[in-house]
């Protein structure tokens, strides 16, 4: 039950979390997945992550670039666009406001 709940919560903020992983600079799917897991958000599988990255790229929020590797398969690196940074800032503020409202509701039962 807890895993189902976490999965449901993540669906609403995964785009935002992926964008936040790209704030320090470019990254590729496995690194993003690893960063989210290390943050305590659980393992995000490729079948979930790559559609998010594709959607963000189609929206112009990230740019992807395939690079061949000296050894092993190549990787697609992603970086934020200016539009992506603006979107991340606006959505982070909206998420923080929502989180605050939920926290207040849970702690007070709606009575202030």
C-alpha atoms as a PDB file:
ATOM      1  CA  UNK A   1       0.000   0.000   0.000  1.00  0.00           C
ATOM      2  CA  UNK A   2       2.776   2.485   0.882  1.00  0.00           C
ATOM      3  CA  UNK A   3       4.546   1.817  -2.448  1.00  0.00           C
ATOM      4  CA  UNK A   4       1.297   2.411  -4.365  1.00  0.00           C
ATOM      5  CA  UNK A   5       0.766   5.668  -2.489  1.00  0.00           C
ATOM      6  CA  UNK A   6       4.323   6.844  -3.183  1.00  0.00           C
ATOM      7  CA  UNK A   7       3.952   5.965  -6.863  1.00  0.00           C
ATOM      8  CA  UNK A   8       0.723   7.937  -7.048  1.00  0.00           C
ATOM      9  CA  UNK A   9       2.297  10.981  -5.370  1.00  0.00           C
ATOM     10  CA  UNK A  10       5.343  10.825  -7.657  1.00  0.00           C
ATOM     11  CA  UNK A  11       3.209  10.947 -10.795  1.00  0.00           C
ATOM     12  CA  UNK A  12       2.162  14.467  -9.898  1.00  0.00           C
ATOM     13  CA  UNK A  13       5.661  15.821  -9.350  1.00  0.00           C
ATOM     14  CA  UNK A  14       8.009  13.634 -11.389  1.00  0.00           C
ATOM     15  CA  UNK A  15       8.405  16.206 -14.174  1.00  0.00           C
ATOM     16  CA  UNK A  16       9.375  18.802 -11.571  1.00  0.00           C
ATOM     17  CA  UNK A  17      11.810  16.421  -9.869  1.00  0.00           C
ATOM     18  CA  UNK A  18      13.480  15.505 -13.162  1.00  0.00           C
ATOM     19  CA  UNK A  19      13.880  19.178 -14.046  1.00  0.00           C
ATOM     20  CA  UNK A  20      15.393  19.814 -10.622  1.00  0.00           C
ATOM     21  CA  UNK A  21      17.988  17.084 -11.253  1.00  0.00           C
ATOM     22  CA  UNK A  22      19.153  19.052 -14.286  1.00  0.00           C
ATOM     23  CA  UNK A  23      19.646  22.326 -12.395  1.00  0.00           C
ATOM     24  CA  UNK A  24      23.356  21.721 -11.679  1.00  0.00           C
ATOM     25  CA  UNK A  25      24.037  20.808 -15.308  1.00  0.00           C
ATOM     26  CA  UNK A  26      23.486  18.147 -17.910  1.00  0.00           C
ATOM     27  CA  UNK A  27      22.811  14.547 -17.019  1.00  0.00           C
ATOM     28  CA  UNK A  28      21.544  11.304 -18.511  1.00  0.00           C
ATOM     29  CA  UNK A  29      18.723   8.979 -17.534  1.00  0.00           C
ATOM     30  CA  UNK A  30      20.585   6.590 -15.244  1.00  0.00           C
ATOM     31  CA  UNK A  31      22.190   9.470 -13.294  1.00  0.00           C
ATOM     32  CA  UNK A  32      18.802  11.155 -12.892  1.00  0.00           C
ATOM     33  CA  UNK A  33      17.223   7.912 -11.673  1.00  0.00           C
ATOM     34  CA  UNK A  34      20.098   7.392  -9.240  1.00  0.00           C
ATOM     35  CA  UNK A  35      19.816  10.958  -7.877  1.00  0.00           C
ATOM     36  CA  UNK A  36      16.082  10.525  -7.253  1.00  0.00           C
ATOM     37  CA  UNK A  37      16.655   7.193  -5.497  1.00  0.00           C
ATOM     38  CA  UNK A  38      19.402   8.728  -3.337  1.00  0.00           C
ATOM     39  CA  UNK A  39      16.984  11.520  -2.401  1.00  0.00           C
ATOM     40  CA  UNK A  40      14.672   8.874  -0.928  1.00  0.00           C
ATOM     41  CA  UNK A  41      12.110   8.900  -3.739  1.00  0.00           C
ATOM     42  CA  UNK A  42      12.506   5.249  -4.657  1.00  0.00           C
ATOM     43  CA  UNK A  43      13.735   3.651  -7.841  1.00  0.00           C
ATOM     44  CA  UNK A  44      12.350   5.311 -10.956  1.00  0.00           C
ATOM     45  CA  UNK A  45      12.532   2.789 -13.769  1.00  0.00           C
ATOM     46  CA  UNK A  46      13.430   3.633 -17.341  1.00  0.00           C
ATOM     47  CA  UNK A  47       9.908   2.853 -18.531  1.00  0.00           C
ATOM     48  CA  UNK A  48       8.721   5.723 -16.339  1.00  0.00           C
ATOM     49  CA  UNK A  49      11.671   8.109 -16.628  1.00  0.00           C
ATOM     50  CA  UNK A  50      12.305   8.155 -20.374  1.00  0.00           C
ATOM     51  CA  UNK A  51       8.738   9.095 -21.341  1.00  0.00           C
ATOM     52  CA  UNK A  52       9.037  12.012 -18.882  1.00  0.00           C
ATOM     53  CA  UNK A  53      12.313  13.124 -20.463  1.00  0.00           C
ATOM     54  CA  UNK A  54      10.769  12.825 -23.948  1.00  0.00           C
ATOM     55  CA  UNK A  55       7.736  14.871 -22.871  1.00  0.00           C
ATOM     56  CA  UNK A  56       9.966  17.553 -21.326  1.00  0.00           C
ATOM     57  CA  UNK A  57      12.032  17.685 -24.503  1.00  0.00           C
ATOM     58  CA  UNK A  58       8.929  17.981 -26.712  1.00  0.00           C
ATOM     59  CA  UNK A  59       7.736  20.842 -24.477  1.00  0.00           C
ATOM     60  CA  UNK A  60      11.031  22.678 -24.990  1.00  0.00           C
ATOM     61  CA  UNK A  61      11.960  22.465 -21.307  1.00  0.00           C
ATOM     62  CA  UNK A  62      15.048  20.312 -21.879  1.00  0.00           C
ATOM     63  CA  UNK A  63      17.344  19.611 -24.801  1.00  0.00           C
ATOM     64  CA  UNK A  64      18.691  16.127 -25.374  1.00  0.00           C
ATOM     65  CA  UNK A  65      21.901  15.251 -27.191  1.00  0.00           C
ATOM     66  CA  UNK A  66      23.116  11.758 -28.005  1.00  0.00           C
ATOM     67  CA  UNK A  67      26.813  11.140 -27.471  1.00  0.00           C
ATOM     68  CA  UNK A  68      28.761   8.076 -28.462  1.00  0.00           C
ATOM     69  CA  UNK A  69      30.881   6.520 -25.742  1.00  0.00           C
ATOM     70  CA  UNK A  70      34.426   5.218 -26.067  1.00  0.00           C
ATOM     71  CA  UNK A  71      33.288   2.014 -24.383  1.00  0.00           C
ATOM     72  CA  UNK A  72      29.788   0.672 -24.179  1.00  0.00           C
ATOM     73  CA  UNK A  73      26.637   2.208 -25.549  1.00  0.00           C
ATOM     74  CA  UNK A  74      26.199   5.925 -26.138  1.00  0.00           C
ATOM     75  CA  UNK A  75      24.030   8.059 -23.899  1.00  0.00           C
ATOM     76  CA  UNK A  76      21.507  10.800 -24.370  1.00  0.00           C
ATOM     77  CA  UNK A  77      22.426  13.789 -22.193  1.00  0.00           C
ATOM     78  CA  UNK A  78      19.785  16.305 -21.180  1.00  0.00           C
ATOM     79  CA  UNK A  79      20.089  19.907 -20.078  1.00  0.00           C
ATOM     80  CA  UNK A  80      17.591  22.563 -19.049  1.00  0.00           C
ATOM     81  CA  UNK A  81      16.621  25.276 -21.490  1.00  0.00           C
ATOM     82  CA  UNK A  82      15.920  28.824 -20.330  1.00  0.00           C
ATOM     83  CA  UNK A  83      12.237  28.005 -20.664  1.00  0.00           C
ATOM     84  CA  UNK A  84      12.814  24.894 -18.528  1.00  0.00           C
ATOM     85  CA  UNK A  85      14.455  26.973 -15.783  1.00  0.00           C
ATOM     86  CA  UNK A  86      11.521  29.395 -15.790  1.00  0.00           C
ATOM     87  CA  UNK A  87       9.043  26.514 -15.691  1.00  0.00           C
ATOM     88  CA  UNK A  88      10.946  24.856 -12.836  1.00  0.00           C
ATOM     89  CA  UNK A  89      10.931  28.079 -10.798  1.00  0.00           C
ATOM     90  CA  UNK A  90       7.197  28.672 -11.315  1.00  0.00           C
ATOM     91  CA  UNK A  91       6.191  25.070 -10.684  1.00  0.00           C
ATOM     92  CA  UNK A  92       8.455  24.815  -7.620  1.00  0.00           C
ATOM     93  CA  UNK A  93       6.672  27.808  -6.125  1.00  0.00           C
ATOM     94  CA  UNK A  94       3.262  26.308  -6.928  1.00  0.00           C
ATOM     95  CA  UNK A  95       4.298  22.954  -5.417  1.00  0.00           C
ATOM     96  CA  UNK A  96       5.583  24.658  -2.263  1.00  0.00           C
ATOM     97  CA  UNK A  97       2.280  26.519  -1.878  1.00  0.00           C
ATOM     98  CA  UNK A  98       0.341  23.272  -2.358  1.00  0.00           C
ATOM     99  CA  UNK A  99       2.581  21.396   0.091  1.00  0.00           C
ATOM    100  CA  UNK A 100       2.068  24.133   2.681  1.00  0.00           C
ATOM    101  CA  UNK A 101      -1.719  23.964   2.284  1.00  0.00           C
ATOM    102  CA  UNK A 102      -1.692  20.160   2.661  1.00  0.00           C
ATOM    103  CA  UNK A 103       0.603  20.339   5.699  1.00  0.00           C
ATOM    104  CA  UNK A 104      -1.621  22.926   7.373  1.00  0.00           C
ATOM    105  CA  UNK A 105      -4.737  20.888   6.636  1.00  0.00           C
ATOM    106  CA  UNK A 106      -3.175  17.720   8.039  1.00  0.00           C
ATOM    107  CA  UNK A 107      -1.824  19.381  11.168  1.00  0.00           C
ATOM    108  CA  UNK A 108      -4.892  21.401  12.046  1.00  0.00           C
ATOM    109  CA  UNK A 109      -7.709  19.355  10.590  1.00  0.00           C
ATOM    110  CA  UNK A 110      -8.755  22.487   8.754  1.00  0.00           C
ATOM    111  CA  UNK A 111      -9.219  24.658  11.846  1.00  0.00           C
ATOM    112  CA  UNK A 112      -6.867  27.604  12.032  1.00  0.00           C
END
